[in-house]
Protein backbone atom coordinates (compact mmCIF):
# COMPACT_ATOMS: atom_id res chain seq x y z
CA ASP A 1 -17.19 13.20 -1.73
CA GLY A 2 -16.35 15.44 1.53
CA LYS A 3 -16.52 13.12 4.15
CA ALA A 4 -15.56 10.60 2.49
CA LYS A 5 -11.93 12.00 2.57
CA ILE A 6 -12.04 12.76 6.20
CA ALA A 7 -13.02 9.13 6.77
CA ALA A 8 -10.03 8.19 4.78
CA LEU A 9 -7.77 10.98 6.64
CA ASN A 10 -8.76 10.37 9.74
CA ALA A 11 -8.15 6.43 9.57
CA VAL A 12 -4.51 7.11 8.55
CA ILE A 13 -4.08 9.25 11.41
CA GLU A 14 -5.44 7.12 14.31
CA ARG A 15 -3.56 4.09 12.07
CA LEU A 16 -0.45 6.57 12.94
CA ILE A 17 -0.79 7.40 16.39
CA PRO A 18 -4.04 5.86 18.02
CA GLY A 19 -6.14 8.96 19.47
CA ARG A 20 -4.39 11.60 17.87
CA THR A 21 -7.93 12.79 15.42
CA ALA A 22 -10.01 13.43 18.95
CA ASP A 23 -7.29 16.19 19.55
CA LEU A 24 -7.82 18.51 15.87
CA ARG A 25 -8.99 21.08 15.13
CA PRO A 26 -11.74 20.02 11.97
CA HIS A 27 -10.26 20.04 8.86
CA ARG A 28 -10.56 23.29 6.77
CA PRO A 29 -12.79 23.36 3.66
CA LYS A 30 -9.45 25.20 1.87
CA GLU A 31 -6.81 22.10 3.34
CA LEU A 32 -9.85 19.44 1.75
CA ARG A 33 -10.03 20.66 -1.51
CA ALA A 34 -6.13 20.74 -1.63
CA THR A 35 -5.53 17.62 -0.52
CA THR A 36 -6.36 14.17 -3.12
CA VAL A 37 -7.06 10.85 -1.09
CA LEU A 38 -6.83 7.85 -3.43
CA LYS A 39 -7.07 4.43 -2.62
CA VAL A 40 -4.55 1.91 -4.45
CA PRO A 41 -3.06 -1.08 -3.91
CA LEU A 42 0.84 -0.79 -3.26
CA ALA A 43 3.18 -2.92 -3.82
CA GLU A 44 6.18 -0.55 -3.77
CA VAL A 45 6.20 2.97 -2.75
CA SER A 46 8.27 6.13 -2.21
CA ALA A 47 7.35 9.36 0.12
CA LYS A 48 8.38 12.85 0.14
CA ILE A 49 10.04 13.40 3.35
CA ARG A 50 10.06 17.07 4.49
CA THR A 51 11.95 17.97 7.26
CA GLY A 52 11.31 20.79 10.17
CA PRO A 53 9.04 22.07 12.23
CA PRO A 54 5.33 22.12 11.32
CA ILE A 55 4.26 24.90 8.96
CA ASP A 56 0.55 25.77 10.15
CA ASP A 57 -1.30 29.19 9.86
CA ALA A 58 -0.68 31.56 12.52
CA ASN A 59 -4.66 31.37 14.30
CA ASP A 60 -4.10 27.52 14.44
CA TYR A 61 -1.48 28.05 17.35
CA GLU A 62 -4.06 29.72 19.09
CA LEU A 63 -5.33 26.19 20.12
CA PRO A 64 -4.81 24.56 22.80
CA VAL A 65 -3.13 21.77 20.31
CA TRP A 66 -0.19 20.45 20.53
CA ALA A 67 2.14 20.83 17.68
CA GLY A 68 5.44 19.06 16.74
CA VAL A 69 7.30 16.63 15.04
CA LEU A 70 7.19 13.03 15.67
CA PRO A 71 10.12 11.51 14.22
CA PHE A 72 10.15 8.02 12.42
CA SER A 73 12.75 5.86 11.49
CA LEU A 74 13.21 2.80 9.13
CA LYS A 75 15.97 0.21 10.67
CA THR A 76 17.27 -2.73 8.83
CA GLY A 77 17.54 -5.90 10.45
CA ASN A 78 19.63 -9.15 9.39
CA ALA A 79 18.33 -10.53 5.58
CA VAL A 80 16.59 -13.53 5.66
CA PRO A 81 16.67 -15.40 2.59
CA ASP A 82 13.77 -16.96 0.46
CA PRO A 83 13.19 -20.78 1.49
CA ARG A 84 12.16 -21.48 -1.89
CA MET A 85 15.42 -20.40 -3.54
CA LYS A 86 16.39 -24.02 -5.45
CA GLU A 87 19.92 -24.28 -3.63
CA TRP A 88 21.51 -22.05 -0.94
CA ILE A 89 23.26 -19.14 -2.00
CA PRO A 90 25.70 -16.86 0.33
CA THR A 91 24.23 -13.45 1.14
CA PRO A 92 25.09 -11.29 -0.66
CA GLY A 93 27.56 -8.09 1.03
CA TYR A 94 25.49 -5.33 -0.54
CA VAL A 95 22.41 -6.75 1.50
CA SER A 96 24.30 -8.32 4.72
CA ASP A 97 26.43 -4.59 5.15
CA TYR A 98 23.60 -2.56 4.28
CA LYS A 99 23.00 -0.20 6.20
CA ARG A 100 20.88 2.98 6.69
């Protein structure tokens, strides 16, 4: 329902940027109708990534709310072998040399 959807959307926002929802305008009915929230266990995920500034309604720019982009990035660390391997196997180059 609408209240559960709003709570879920706000939970995601607060998880990423605590305190942000207090600064935002209320969700518009049109936005809520265009947004689906699913609760599913995740073993693997992918995401659609968009670049560039926000695409907000013209009226939103009249509000005293910060708008912009907070870039996120993923950084790889050192490979960690599975301790349950029955024998030591050297880390392959495609793992140890992985760069993104």
